């Protein structure tokens, strides 16, 4: 699992979700990370992260226009996403993640907000 840059971590997370690999997806997060479960409702810690991974893993998402701004051991990642709803069409939006580089050199998500707009 390559997570030597913030974008590596995001790519690993996206691929793990697509593959249904919850363990690898969970490893992309700091244990105390905060996730937006739905607009206006956040959760933190293992149970919230695992619930978020399970919910998002069932969705057909594509991402584009990744942008990363790094400052020391902190990074902000933003991207656009498209959610495929099948016959009902698609929904587009923006996501933002704050990542932190750990002592082991791996980047982990500490804030995941899929409902930026």
PDB file of N, CA and C in Angstrom:
ATOM      1  N   UNK A   1       0.854  -1.166   0.000  1.00  0.00           N
ATOM      2  CA  UNK A   1       0.000   0.000   0.000  1.00  0.00           C
ATOM      3  C   UNK A   1       0.903   1.233   0.000  1.00  0.00           C
ATOM      4  N   UNK A   2       0.887   1.953  -1.113  1.00  0.00           N
ATOM      5  CA  UNK A   2       1.729   3.129  -1.274  1.00  0.00           C
ATOM      6  C   UNK A   2       0.981   4.367  -0.795  1.00  0.00           C
ATOM      7  N   UNK A   3       1.547   5.050   0.201  1.00  0.00           N
ATOM      8  CA  UNK A   3       0.929   6.281   0.704  1.00  0.00           C
ATOM      9  C   UNK A   3       2.007   7.315   1.003  1.00  0.00           C
ATOM     10  N   UNK A   4       2.991   7.424   0.098  1.00  0.00           N
ATOM     11  CA  UNK A   4       4.111   8.334   0.336  1.00  0.00           C
ATOM     12  C   UNK A   4       3.809   9.775  -0.056  1.00  0.00           C
ATOM     13  N   UNK A   5       2.657  10.012  -0.697  1.00  0.00           N
ATOM     14  CA  UNK A   5       2.203  11.368  -0.985  1.00  0.00           C
ATOM     15  C   UNK A   5       0.710  11.429  -0.640  1.00  0.00           C
ATOM     16  N   UNK A   6       0.174  12.623  -0.439  1.00  0.00           N
ATOM     17  CA  UNK A   6      -1.262  12.720  -0.178  1.00  0.00           C
ATOM     18  C   UNK A   6      -2.102  12.095  -1.298  1.00  0.00           C
ATOM     19  N   UNK A   7      -1.706  12.321  -2.547  1.00  0.00           N
ATOM     20  CA  UNK A   7      -2.470  11.771  -3.661  1.00  0.00           C
ATOM     21  C   UNK A   7      -2.375  10.245  -3.716  1.00  0.00           C
ATOM     22  N   UNK A   8      -1.230   9.679  -3.311  1.00  0.00           N
ATOM     23  CA  UNK A   8      -1.114   8.212  -3.196  1.00  0.00           C
ATOM     24  C   UNK A   8      -2.162   7.676  -2.226  1.00  0.00           C
ATOM     25  N   UNK A   9      -2.333   8.356  -1.105  1.00  0.00           N
ATOM     26  CA  UNK A   9      -3.301   7.909  -0.102  1.00  0.00           C
ATOM     27  C   UNK A   9      -4.721   7.974  -0.659  1.00  0.00           C
ATOM     28  N   UNK A  10      -5.041   9.064  -1.325  1.00  0.00           N
ATOM     29  CA  UNK A  10      -6.373   9.204  -1.914  1.00  0.00           C
ATOM     30  C   UNK A  10      -6.603   8.113  -2.963  1.00  0.00           C
ATOM     31  N   UNK A  11      -5.621   7.875  -3.823  1.00  0.00           N
ATOM     32  CA  UNK A  11      -5.758   6.839  -4.854  1.00  0.00           C
ATOM     33  C   UNK A  11      -5.911   5.457  -4.221  1.00  0.00           C
ATOM     34  N   UNK A  12      -5.147   5.181  -3.168  1.00  0.00           N
ATOM     35  CA  UNK A  12      -5.258   3.902  -2.469  1.00  0.00           C
ATOM     36  C   UNK A  12      -6.649   3.740  -1.878  1.00  0.00           C
ATOM     37  N   UNK A  13      -7.165   4.801  -1.279  1.00  0.00           N
ATOM     38  CA  UNK A  13      -8.500   4.767  -0.685  1.00  0.00           C
ATOM     39  C   UNK A  13      -9.568   4.498  -1.748  1.00  0.00           C
ATOM     40  N   UNK A  14      -9.508   5.210  -2.864  1.00  0.00           N
ATOM     41  CA  UNK A  14     -10.498   5.041  -3.924  1.00  0.00           C
ATOM     42  C   UNK A  14     -10.466   3.609  -4.462  1.00  0.00           C
ATOM     43  N   UNK A  15      -9.271   3.086  -4.707  1.00  0.00           N
ATOM     44  CA  UNK A  15      -9.152   1.723  -5.230  1.00  0.00           C
ATOM     45  C   UNK A  15      -9.624   0.691  -4.202  1.00  0.00           C
ATOM     46  N   UNK A  16      -9.302   0.904  -2.936  1.00  0.00           N
ATOM     47  CA  UNK A  16      -9.742  -0.032  -1.887  1.00  0.00           C
ATOM     48  C   UNK A  16     -11.260  -0.049  -1.785  1.00  0.00           C
ATOM     49  N   UNK A  17     -11.884   1.113  -1.868  1.00  0.00           N
ATOM     50  CA  UNK A  17     -13.352   1.171  -1.842  1.00  0.00           C
ATOM     51  C   UNK A  17     -13.950   0.403  -3.013  1.00  0.00           C
ATOM     52  N   UNK A  18     -13.395   0.627  -4.196  1.00  0.00           N
ATOM     53  CA  UNK A  18     -13.899  -0.064  -5.392  1.00  0.00           C
ATOM     54  C   UNK A  18     -13.755  -1.575  -5.272  1.00  0.00           C
ATOM     55  N   UNK A  19     -12.661  -2.017  -4.634  1.00  0.00           N
ATOM     56  CA  UNK A  19     -12.386  -3.445  -4.503  1.00  0.00           C
ATOM     57  C   UNK A  19     -13.110  -4.068  -3.308  1.00  0.00           C
ATOM     58  N   UNK A  20     -13.768  -3.238  -2.502  1.00  0.00           N
ATOM     59  CA  UNK A  20     -14.431  -3.756  -1.310  1.00  0.00           C
ATOM     60  C   UNK A  20     -13.452  -4.141  -0.222  1.00  0.00           C
ATOM     61  N   UNK A  21     -12.265  -3.540  -0.232  1.00  0.00           N
ATOM     62  CA  UNK A  21     -11.206  -3.840   0.735  1.00  0.00           C
ATOM     63  C   UNK A  21     -11.277  -2.833   1.886  1.00  0.00           C
ATOM     64  N   UNK A  22     -12.132  -3.123   2.845  1.00  0.00           N
ATOM     65  CA  UNK A  22     -12.360  -2.202   3.962  1.00  0.00           C
ATOM     66  C   UNK A  22     -11.109  -2.012   4.818  1.00  0.00           C
ATOM     67  N   UNK A  23     -10.298  -3.044   4.980  1.00  0.00           N
ATOM     68  CA  UNK A  23      -9.093  -2.934   5.819  1.00  0.00           C
ATOM     69  C   UNK A  23      -8.107  -1.932   5.221  1.00  0.00           C
ATOM     70  N   UNK A  24      -7.886  -2.015   3.917  1.00  0.00           N
ATOM     71  CA  UNK A  24      -6.972  -1.071   3.271  1.00  0.00           C
ATOM     72  C   UNK A  24      -7.555   0.338   3.290  1.00  0.00           C
ATOM     73  N   UNK A  25      -8.859   0.451   3.042  1.00  0.00           N
ATOM     74  CA  UNK A  25      -9.501   1.770   3.095  1.00  0.00           C
ATOM     75  C   UNK A  25      -9.352   2.369   4.497  1.00  0.00           C
ATOM     76  N   UNK A  26      -9.601   1.580   5.532  1.00  0.00           N
ATOM     77  CA  UNK A  26      -9.499   2.078   6.909  1.00  0.00           C
ATOM     78  C   UNK A  26      -8.074   2.539   7.226  1.00  0.00           C
ATOM     79  N   UNK A  27      -7.071   1.837   6.695  1.00  0.00           N
ATOM     80  CA  UNK A  27      -5.676   2.195   6.953  1.00  0.00           C
ATOM     81  C   UNK A  27      -5.302   3.545   6.345  1.00  0.00           C
ATOM     82  N   UNK A  28      -6.109   4.061   5.440  1.00  0.00           N
ATOM     83  CA  UNK A  28      -5.852   5.376   4.841  1.00  0.00           C
ATOM     84  C   UNK A  28      -6.259   6.522   5.766  1.00  0.00           C
ATOM     85  N   UNK A  29      -6.926   6.213   6.852  1.00  0.00           N
ATOM     86  CA  UNK A  29      -7.402   7.215   7.805  1.00  0.00           C
ATOM     87  C   UNK A  29      -6.602   7.169   9.096  1.00  0.00           C
ATOM     88  N   UNK A  30      -6.436   8.324   9.731  1.00  0.00           N
ATOM     89  CA  UNK A  30      -5.928   8.355  11.098  1.00  0.00           C
ATOM     90  C   UNK A  30      -7.012   7.761  11.994  1.00  0.00           C
ATOM     91  N   UNK A  31      -6.641   7.070  13.063  1.00  0.00           N
ATOM     92  CA  UNK A  31      -7.642   6.418  13.910  1.00  0.00           C
ATOM     93  C   UNK A  31      -8.688   7.371  14.494  1.00  0.00           C
ATOM     94  N   UNK A  32      -8.337   8.638  14.650  1.00  0.00           N
ATOM     95  CA  UNK A  32      -9.256   9.619  15.230  1.00  0.00           C
ATOM     96  C   UNK A  32      -9.834  10.560  14.171  1.00  0.00           C
ATOM     97  N   UNK A  33      -9.790  10.155  12.909  1.00  0.00           N
ATOM     98  CA  UNK A  33     -10.262  11.013  11.816  1.00  0.00           C
ATOM     99  C   UNK A  33     -11.733  11.383  11.977  1.00  0.00           C
ATOM    100  N   UNK A  34     -12.085  12.525  11.392  1.00  0.00           N
ATOM    101  CA  UNK A  34     -13.466  13.002  11.349  1.00  0.00           C
ATOM    102  C   UNK A  34     -13.966  12.829   9.922  1.00  0.00           C
ATOM    103  N   UNK A  35     -15.160  12.257   9.772  1.00  0.00           N
ATOM    104  CA  UNK A  35     -15.776  12.077   8.457  1.00  0.00           C
ATOM    105  C   UNK A  35     -17.166  12.695   8.474  1.00  0.00           C
ATOM    106  N   UNK A  36     -17.535  13.277   7.343  1.00  0.00           N
ATOM    107  CA  UNK A  36     -18.906  13.787   7.190  1.00  0.00           C
ATOM    108  C   UNK A  36     -19.760  12.619   6.737  1.00  0.00           C
ATOM    109  N   UNK A  37     -20.661  12.174   7.576  1.00  0.00           N
ATOM    110  CA  UNK A  37     -21.513  11.033   7.275  1.00  0.00           C
ATOM    111  C   UNK A  37     -22.626  11.420   6.309  1.00  0.00           C
ATOM    112  N   UNK A  38     -23.084  12.648   6.443  1.00  0.00           N
ATOM    113  CA  UNK A  38     -24.048  13.258   5.533  1.00  0.00           C
ATOM    114  C   UNK A  38     -23.988  14.756   5.806  1.00  0.00           C
ATOM    115  N   UNK A  39     -24.540  15.584   4.938  1.00  0.00           N
ATOM    116  CA  UNK A  39     -24.449  17.026   5.187  1.00  0.00           C
ATOM    117  C   UNK A  39     -24.941  17.386   6.590  1.00  0.00           C
ATOM    118  N   UNK A  40     -24.078  18.076   7.317  1.00  0.00           N
ATOM    119  CA  UNK A  40     -24.433  18.518   8.663  1.00  0.00           C
ATOM    120  C   UNK A  40     -24.226  17.491   9.756  1.00  0.00           C
ATOM    121  N   UNK A  41     -23.777  16.283   9.414  1.00  0.00           N
ATOM    122  CA  UNK A  41     -23.577  15.242  10.432  1.00  0.00           C
ATOM    123  C   UNK A  41     -22.197  14.608  10.277  1.00  0.00           C
ATOM    124  N   UNK A  42     -21.353  14.843  11.266  1.00  0.00           N
ATOM    125  CA  UNK A  42     -20.016  14.260  11.236  1.00  0.00           C
ATOM    126  C   UNK A  42     -19.879  13.221  12.343  1.00  0.00           C
ATOM    127  N   UNK A  43     -18.858  12.418  12.199  1.00  0.00           N
ATOM    128  CA  UNK A  43     -18.531  11.429  13.217  1.00  0.00           C
ATOM    129  C   UNK A  43     -17.026  11.247  13.241  1.00  0.00           C
ATOM    130  N   UNK A  44     -16.503  10.777  14.354  1.00  0.00           N
ATOM    131  CA  UNK A  44     -15.065  10.551  14.424  1.00  0.00           C
ATOM    132  C   UNK A  44     -14.777   9.199  15.055  1.00  0.00           C
ATOM    133  N   UNK A  45     -13.573   8.735  14.805  1.00  0.00           N
ATOM    134  CA  UNK A  45     -13.135   7.471  15.369  1.00  0.00           C
ATOM    135  C   UNK A  45     -13.502   6.278  14.504  1.00  0.00           C
ATOM    136  N   UNK A  46     -13.101   5.107  14.984  1.00  0.00           N
ATOM    137  CA  UNK A  46     -13.195   3.888  14.189  1.00  0.00           C
ATOM    138  C   UNK A  46     -14.604   3.559  13.701  1.00  0.00           C
ATOM    139  N   UNK A  47     -15.588   3.623  14.566  1.00  0.00           N
ATOM    140  CA  UNK A  47     -16.947   3.239  14.157  1.00  0.00           C
ATOM    141  C   UNK A  47     -17.469   4.150  13.051  1.00  0.00           C
ATOM    142  N   UNK A  48     -17.255   5.453  13.185  1.00  0.00           N
ATOM    143  CA  UNK A  48     -17.728   6.395  12.162  1.00  0.00           C
ATOM    144  C   UNK A  48     -16.983   6.198  10.847  1.00  0.00           C
ATOM    145  N   UNK A  49     -15.676   5.990  10.925  1.00  0.00           N
ATOM    146  CA  UNK A  49     -14.880   5.786   9.712  1.00  0.00           C
ATOM    147  C   UNK A  49     -15.336   4.523   8.994  1.00  0.00           C
ATOM    148  N   UNK A  50     -15.511   3.448   9.740  1.00  0.00           N
ATOM    149  CA  UNK A  50     -15.941   2.178   9.118  1.00  0.00           C
ATOM    150  C   UNK A  50     -17.348   2.300   8.513  1.00  0.00           C
ATOM    151  N   UNK A  51     -18.243   3.005   9.175  1.00  0.00           N
ATOM    152  CA  UNK A  51     -19.591   3.203   8.634  1.00  0.00           C
ATOM    153  C   UNK A  51     -19.523   4.020   7.342  1.00  0.00           C
ATOM    154  N   UNK A  52     -18.683   5.042   7.325  1.00  0.00           N
ATOM    155  CA  UNK A  52     -18.519   5.871   6.133  1.00  0.00           C
ATOM    156  C   UNK A  52     -17.952   5.056   4.979  1.00  0.00           C
ATOM    157  N   UNK A  53     -16.926   4.242   5.259  1.00  0.00           N
ATOM    158  CA  UNK A  53     -16.317   3.400   4.224  1.00  0.00           C
ATOM    159  C   UNK A  53     -17.360   2.449   3.641  1.00  0.00           C
ATOM    160  N   UNK A  54     -18.160   1.847   4.501  1.00  0.00           N
ATOM    161  CA  UNK A  54     -19.190   0.907   4.033  1.00  0.00           C
ATOM    162  C   UNK A  54     -20.226   1.618   3.164  1.00  0.00           C
ATOM    163  N   UNK A  55     -20.651   2.786   3.572  1.00  0.00           N
ATOM    164  CA  UNK A  55     -21.673   3.525   2.829  1.00  0.00           C
ATOM    165  C   UNK A  55     -21.145   3.986   1.473  1.00  0.00           C
ATOM    166  N   UNK A  56     -19.941   4.522   1.453  1.00  0.00           N
ATOM    167  CA  UNK A  56     -19.377   5.044   0.212  1.00  0.00           C
ATOM    168  C   UNK A  56     -18.970   3.906  -0.722  1.00  0.00           C
ATOM    169  N   UNK A  57     -18.540   2.786  -0.152  1.00  0.00           N
ATOM    170  CA  UNK A  57     -18.110   1.651  -0.961  1.00  0.00           C
ATOM    171  C   UNK A  57     -19.201   1.103  -1.855  1.00  0.00           C
ATOM    172  N   UNK A  58     -20.437   1.297  -1.473  1.00  0.00           N
ATOM    173  CA  UNK A  58     -21.563   0.784  -2.259  1.00  0.00           C
ATOM    174  C   UNK A  58     -21.940   1.721  -3.411  1.00  0.00           C
ATOM    175  N   UNK A  59     -21.318   2.887  -3.487  1.00  0.00           N
ATOM    176  CA  UNK A  59     -21.667   3.883  -4.500  1.00  0.00           C
ATOM    177  C   UNK A  59     -20.762   3.775  -5.719  1.00  0.00           C
ATOM    178  N   UNK A  60     -21.281   4.169  -6.870  1.00  0.00           N
ATOM    179  CA  UNK A  60     -20.490   4.219  -8.096  1.00  0.00           C
ATOM    180  C   UNK A  60     -20.031   5.662  -8.285  1.00  0.00           C
ATOM    181  N   UNK A  61     -18.786   5.906  -7.895  1.00  0.00           N
ATOM    182  CA  UNK A  61     -18.216   7.252  -7.920  1.00  0.00           C
ATOM    183  C   UNK A  61     -17.042   7.326  -8.875  1.00  0.00           C
ATOM    184  N   UNK A  62     -16.892   8.472  -9.504  1.00  0.00           N
ATOM    185  CA  UNK A  62     -15.674   8.759 -10.260  1.00  0.00           C
ATOM    186  C   UNK A  62     -15.166  10.127  -9.803  1.00  0.00           C
ATOM    187  N   UNK A  63     -13.850  10.287  -9.830  1.00  0.00           N
ATOM    188  CA  UNK A  63     -13.216  11.516  -9.347  1.00  0.00           C
ATOM    189  C   UNK A  63     -12.368  12.131 -10.442  1.00  0.00           C
ATOM    190  N   UNK A  64     -12.272  13.466 -10.411  1.00  0.00           N
ATOM    191  CA  UNK A  64     -11.420  14.185 -11.357  1.00  0.00           C
ATOM    192  C   UNK A  64     -10.967  15.491 -10.737  1.00  0.00           C
ATOM    193  N   UNK A  65     -10.024  16.129 -11.395  1.00  0.00           N
ATOM    194  CA  UNK A  65      -9.493  17.434 -10.989  1.00  0.00           C
ATOM    195  C   UNK A  65      -8.987  17.421  -9.549  1.00  0.00           C
ATOM    196  N   UNK A  66      -8.094  16.485  -9.285  1.00  0.00           N
ATOM    197  CA  UNK A  66      -7.473  16.426  -7.955  1.00  0.00           C
ATOM    198  C   UNK A  66      -6.501  17.588  -7.800  1.00  0.00           C
ATOM    199  N   UNK A  67      -6.598  18.264  -6.682  1.00  0.00           N
ATOM    200  CA  UNK A  67      -5.654  19.332  -6.348  1.00  0.00           C
ATOM    201  C   UNK A  67      -5.155  19.083  -4.935  1.00  0.00           C
ATOM    202  N   UNK A  68      -3.851  19.264  -4.743  1.00  0.00           N
ATOM    203  CA  UNK A  68      -3.246  19.046  -3.427  1.00  0.00           C
ATOM    204  C   UNK A  68      -2.412  20.257  -3.071  1.00  0.00           C
ATOM    205  N   UNK A  69      -2.603  20.764  -1.869  1.00  0.00           N
ATOM    206  CA  UNK A  69      -1.798  21.848  -1.324  1.00  0.00           C
ATOM    207  C   UNK A  69      -1.139  21.312  -0.064  1.00  0.00           C
ATOM    208  N   UNK A  70       0.190  21.238  -0.077  1.00  0.00           N
ATOM    209  CA  UNK A  70       0.938  20.715   1.072  1.00  0.00           C
ATOM    210  C   UNK A  70       1.625  21.843   1.820  1.00  0.00           C
ATOM    211  N   UNK A  71       1.693  21.656   3.117  1.00  0.00           N
ATOM    212  CA  UNK A  71       2.475  22.545   3.979  1.00  0.00           C
ATOM    213  C   UNK A  71       3.051  21.681   5.096  1.00  0.00           C
ATOM    214  N   UNK A  72       4.326  21.392   5.006  1.00  0.00           N
ATOM    215  CA  UNK A  72       4.961  20.527   5.995  1.00  0.00           C
ATOM    216  C   UNK A  72       4.325  19.145   5.993  1.00  0.00           C
ATOM    217  N   UNK A  73       3.827  18.734   7.152  1.00  0.00           N
ATOM    218  CA  UNK A  73       3.225  17.413   7.294  1.00  0.00           C
ATOM    219  C   UNK A  73       1.702  17.440   7.194  1.00  0.00           C
ATOM    220  N   UNK A  74       1.156  18.522   6.632  1.00  0.00           N
ATOM    221  CA  UNK A  74      -0.286  18.666   6.467  1.00  0.00           C
ATOM    222  C   UNK A  74      -0.588  18.955   4.999  1.00  0.00           C
ATOM    223  N   UNK A  75      -1.694  18.404   4.518  1.00  0.00           N
ATOM    224  CA  UNK A  75      -2.068  18.637   3.120  1.00  0.00           C
ATOM    225  C   UNK A  75      -3.582  18.765   3.007  1.00  0.00           C
ATOM    226  N   UNK A  76      -4.009  19.555   2.035  1.00  0.00           N
ATOM    227  CA  UNK A  76      -5.418  19.687   1.691  1.00  0.00           C
ATOM    228  C   UNK A  76      -5.593  19.113   0.293  1.00  0.00           C
ATOM    229  N   UNK A  77      -6.493  18.157   0.161  1.00  0.00           N
ATOM    230  CA  UNK A  77      -6.821  17.561  -1.139  1.00  0.00           C
ATOM    231  C   UNK A  77      -8.259  17.928  -1.477  1.00  0.00           C
ATOM    232  N   UNK A  78      -8.482  18.395  -2.694  1.00  0.00           N
ATOM    233  CA  UNK A  78      -9.841  18.638  -3.177  1.00  0.00           C
ATOM    234  C   UNK A  78      -9.993  17.958  -4.537  1.00  0.00           C
ATOM    235  N   UNK A  79     -11.206  17.581  -4.847  1.00  0.00           N
ATOM    236  CA  UNK A  79     -11.492  17.020  -6.161  1.00  0.00           C
ATOM    237  C   UNK A  79     -12.980  17.140  -6.446  1.00  0.00           C
ATOM    238  N   UNK A  80     -13.323  16.908  -7.693  1.00  0.00           N
ATOM    239  CA  UNK A  80     -14.720  16.853  -8.112  1.00  0.00           C
ATOM    240  C   UNK A  80     -15.092  15.388  -8.232  1.00  0.00           C
ATOM    241  N   UNK A  81     -16.330  15.085  -7.935  1.00  0.00           N
ATOM    242  CA  UNK A  81     -16.789  13.704  -8.092  1.00  0.00           C
ATOM    243  C   UNK A  81     -18.112  13.681  -8.845  1.00  0.00           C
ATOM    244  N   UNK A  82     -18.387  12.531  -9.425  1.00  0.00           N
ATOM    245  CA  UNK A  82     -19.670  12.268 -10.057  1.00  0.00           C
ATOM    246  C   UNK A  82     -20.182  10.961  -9.486  1.00  0.00           C
ATOM    247  N   UNK A  83     -21.386  10.994  -8.986  1.00  0.00           N
ATOM    248  CA  UNK A  83     -22.057   9.820  -8.445  1.00  0.00           C
ATOM    249  C   UNK A  83     -23.054   9.338  -9.483  1.00  0.00           C
ATOM    250  N   UNK A  84     -22.879   8.102  -9.950  1.00  0.00           N
ATOM    251  CA  UNK A  84     -23.763   7.521 -10.962  1.00  0.00           C
ATOM    252  C   UNK A  84     -24.962   6.883 -10.273  1.00  0.00           C
ATOM    253  N   UNK A  85     -26.144   7.390 -10.574  1.00  0.00           N
ATOM    254  CA  UNK A  85     -27.381   6.881  -9.981  1.00  0.00           C
ATOM    255  C   UNK A  85     -28.148   5.973 -10.942  1.00  0.00           C
ATOM    256  N   UNK A  86     -27.464   5.498 -11.966  1.00  0.00           N
ATOM    257  CA  UNK A  86     -28.119   4.623 -12.937  1.00  0.00           C
ATOM    258  C   UNK A  86     -29.156   5.373 -13.748  1.00  0.00           C
ATOM    259  N   UNK A  87     -30.357   4.827 -13.794  1.00  0.00           N
ATOM    260  CA  UNK A  87     -31.435   5.427 -14.584  1.00  0.00           C
ATOM    261  C   UNK A  87     -31.847   6.806 -14.076  1.00  0.00           C
ATOM    262  N   UNK A  88     -31.532   7.101 -12.826  1.00  0.00           N
ATOM    263  CA  UNK A  88     -31.901   8.402 -12.251  1.00  0.00           C
ATOM    264  C   UNK A  88     -30.913   9.508 -12.609  1.00  0.00           C
ATOM    265  N   UNK A  89     -29.824   9.168 -13.321  1.00  0.00           N
ATOM    266  CA  UNK A  89     -28.860  10.174 -13.732  1.00  0.00           C
ATOM    267  C   UNK A  89     -27.627  10.213 -12.857  1.00  0.00           C
ATOM    268  N   UNK A  90     -27.053  11.390 -12.716  1.00  0.00           N
ATOM    269  CA  UNK A  90     -25.825  11.560 -11.939  1.00  0.00           C
ATOM    270  C   UNK A  90     -25.945  12.779 -11.029  1.00  0.00           C
ATOM    271  N   UNK A  91     -25.104  12.789 -10.015  1.00  0.00           N
ATOM    272  CA  UNK A  91     -24.961  13.933  -9.114  1.00  0.00           C
ATOM    273  C   UNK A  91     -23.478  14.268  -9.080  1.00  0.00           C
ATOM    274  N   UNK A  92     -23.158  15.540  -9.176  1.00  0.00           N
ATOM    275  CA  UNK A  92     -21.767  15.979  -9.097  1.00  0.00           C
ATOM    276  C   UNK A  92     -21.570  16.838  -7.866  1.00  0.00           C
ATOM    277  N   UNK A  93     -20.351  16.857  -7.375  1.00  0.00           N
ATOM    278  CA  UNK A  93     -20.030  17.679  -6.212  1.00  0.00           C
ATOM    279  C   UNK A  93     -18.539  17.774  -6.013  1.00  0.00           C
ATOM    280  N   UNK A  94     -18.162  18.357  -4.900  1.00  0.00           N
ATOM    281  CA  UNK A  94     -16.751  18.509  -4.535  1.00  0.00           C
ATOM    282  C   UNK A  94     -16.508  17.842  -3.194  1.00  0.00           C
ATOM    283  N   UNK A  95     -15.308  17.333  -3.054  1.00  0.00           N
ATOM    284  CA  UNK A  95     -14.890  16.721  -1.808  1.00  0.00           C
ATOM    285  C   UNK A  95     -13.600  17.389  -1.343  1.00  0.00           C
ATOM    286  N   UNK A  96     -13.381  17.406  -0.047  1.00  0.00           N
ATOM    287  CA  UNK A  96     -12.152  17.961   0.521  1.00  0.00           C
ATOM    288  C   UNK A  96     -11.671  17.043   1.631  1.00  0.00           C
ATOM    289  N   UNK A  97     -10.367  16.828   1.653  1.00  0.00           N
ATOM    290  CA  UNK A  97      -9.747  15.988   2.673  1.00  0.00           C
ATOM    291  C   UNK A  97      -8.528  16.704   3.234  1.00  0.00           C
ATOM    292  N   UNK A  98      -8.353  16.614   4.531  1.00  0.00           N
ATOM    293  CA  UNK A  98      -7.124  17.075   5.166  1.00  0.00           C
ATOM    294  C   UNK A  98      -6.347  15.829   5.538  1.00  0.00           C
ATOM    295  N   UNK A  99      -5.071  15.807   5.156  1.00  0.00           N
ATOM    296  CA  UNK A  99      -4.217  14.665   5.445  1.00  0.00           C
ATOM    297  C   UNK A  99      -3.040  15.098   6.295  1.00  0.00           C
ATOM    298  N   UNK A 100      -2.496  14.162   7.043  1.00  0.00           N
ATOM    299  CA  UNK A 100      -1.334  14.419   7.889  1.00  0.00           C
ATOM    300  C   UNK A 100      -0.315  13.300   7.643  1.00  0.00           C
ATOM    301  N   UNK A 101       0.948  13.687   7.526  1.00  0.00           N
ATOM    302  CA  UNK A 101       2.015  12.694   7.363  1.00  0.00           C
ATOM    303  C   UNK A 101       2.440  12.215   8.753  1.00  0.00           C
ATOM    304  N   UNK A 102       2.459  10.912   8.936  1.00  0.00           N
ATOM    305  CA  UNK A 102       2.835  10.319  10.218  1.00  0.00           C
ATOM    306  C   UNK A 102       4.327  10.113  10.330  1.00  0.00           C
ATOM    307  N   UNK A 103       4.789   9.716  11.516  1.00  0.00           N
ATOM    308  CA  UNK A 103       6.212   9.464  11.735  1.00  0.00           C
ATOM    309  C   UNK A 103       6.784   8.389  10.804  1.00  0.00           C
ATOM    310  N   UNK A 104       5.916   7.500  10.320  1.00  0.00           N
ATOM    311  CA  UNK A 104       6.354   6.441   9.405  1.00  0.00           C
ATOM    312  C   UNK A 104       6.433   6.927   7.958  1.00  0.00           C
ATOM    313  N   UNK A 105       6.088   8.193   7.696  1.00  0.00           N
ATOM    314  CA  UNK A 105       6.141   8.763   6.359  1.00  0.00           C
ATOM    315  C   UNK A 105       4.860   8.594   5.564  1.00  0.00           C
ATOM    316  N   UNK A 106       3.915   7.796   6.068  1.00  0.00           N
ATOM    317  CA  UNK A 106       2.657   7.569   5.359  1.00  0.00           C
ATOM    318  C   UNK A 106       1.683   8.712   5.645  1.00  0.00           C
ATOM    319  N   UNK A 107       0.943   9.099   4.609  1.00  0.00           N
ATOM    320  CA  UNK A 107      -0.087  10.123   4.744  1.00  0.00           C
ATOM    321  C   UNK A 107      -1.403   9.457   5.101  1.00  0.00           C
ATOM    322  N   UNK A 108      -2.131  10.042   6.060  1.00  0.00           N
ATOM    323  CA  UNK A 108      -3.434   9.527   6.468  1.00  0.00           C
ATOM    324  C   UNK A 108      -4.447  10.674   6.500  1.00  0.00           C
ATOM    325  N   UNK A 109      -5.666  10.346   6.168  1.00  0.00           N
ATOM    326  CA  UNK A 109      -6.726  11.333   6.174  1.00  0.00           C
ATOM    327  C   UNK A 109      -7.160  11.597   7.605  1.00  0.00           C
ATOM    328  N   UNK A 110      -7.237  12.876   7.983  1.00  0.00           N
ATOM    329  CA  UNK A 110      -7.711  13.247   9.321  1.00  0.00           C
ATOM    330  C   UNK A 110      -9.085  13.914   9.273  1.00  0.00           C
ATOM    331  N   UNK A 111      -9.437  14.491   8.119  1.00  0.00           N
ATOM    332  CA  UNK A 111     -10.769  15.058   7.899  1.00  0.00           C
ATOM    333  C   UNK A 111     -11.189  14.676   6.486  1.00  0.00           C
ATOM    334  N   UNK A 112     -12.394  14.107   6.361  1.00  0.00           N
ATOM    335  CA  UNK A 112     -12.926  13.717   5.053  1.00  0.00           C
ATOM    336  C   UNK A 112     -14.331  14.314   4.929  1.00  0.00           C
ATOM    337  N   UNK A 113     -14.455  15.294   4.045  1.00  0.00           N
ATOM    338  CA  UNK A 113     -15.751  15.950   3.843  1.00  0.00           C
ATOM    339  C   UNK A 113     -16.144  15.788   2.377  1.00  0.00           C
ATOM    340  N   UNK A 114     -17.064  14.858   2.134  1.00  0.00           N
ATOM    341  CA  UNK A 114     -17.534  14.590   0.775  1.00  0.00           C
ATOM    342  C   UNK A 114     -18.676  15.516   0.368  1.00  0.00           C
ATOM    343  N   UNK A 115     -19.036  16.433   1.234  1.00  0.00           N
ATOM    344  CA  UNK A 115     -20.201  17.275   0.972  1.00  0.00           C
ATOM    345  C   UNK A 115     -19.836  18.757   0.934  1.00  0.00           C
ATOM    346  N   UNK A 116     -18.684  19.081   0.334  1.00  0.00           N
ATOM    347  CA  UNK A 116     -18.243  20.468   0.265  1.00  0.00           C
ATOM    348  C   UNK A 116     -19.153  21.279  -0.641  1.00  0.00           C
ATOM    349  N   UNK A 117     -19.625  20.676  -1.681  1.00  0.00           N
ATOM    350  CA  UNK A 117     -20.540  21.395  -2.565  1.00  0.00           C
ATOM    351  C   UNK A 117     -20.439  20.978  -3.990  1.00  0.00           C
TER     352      UNK A 117
END
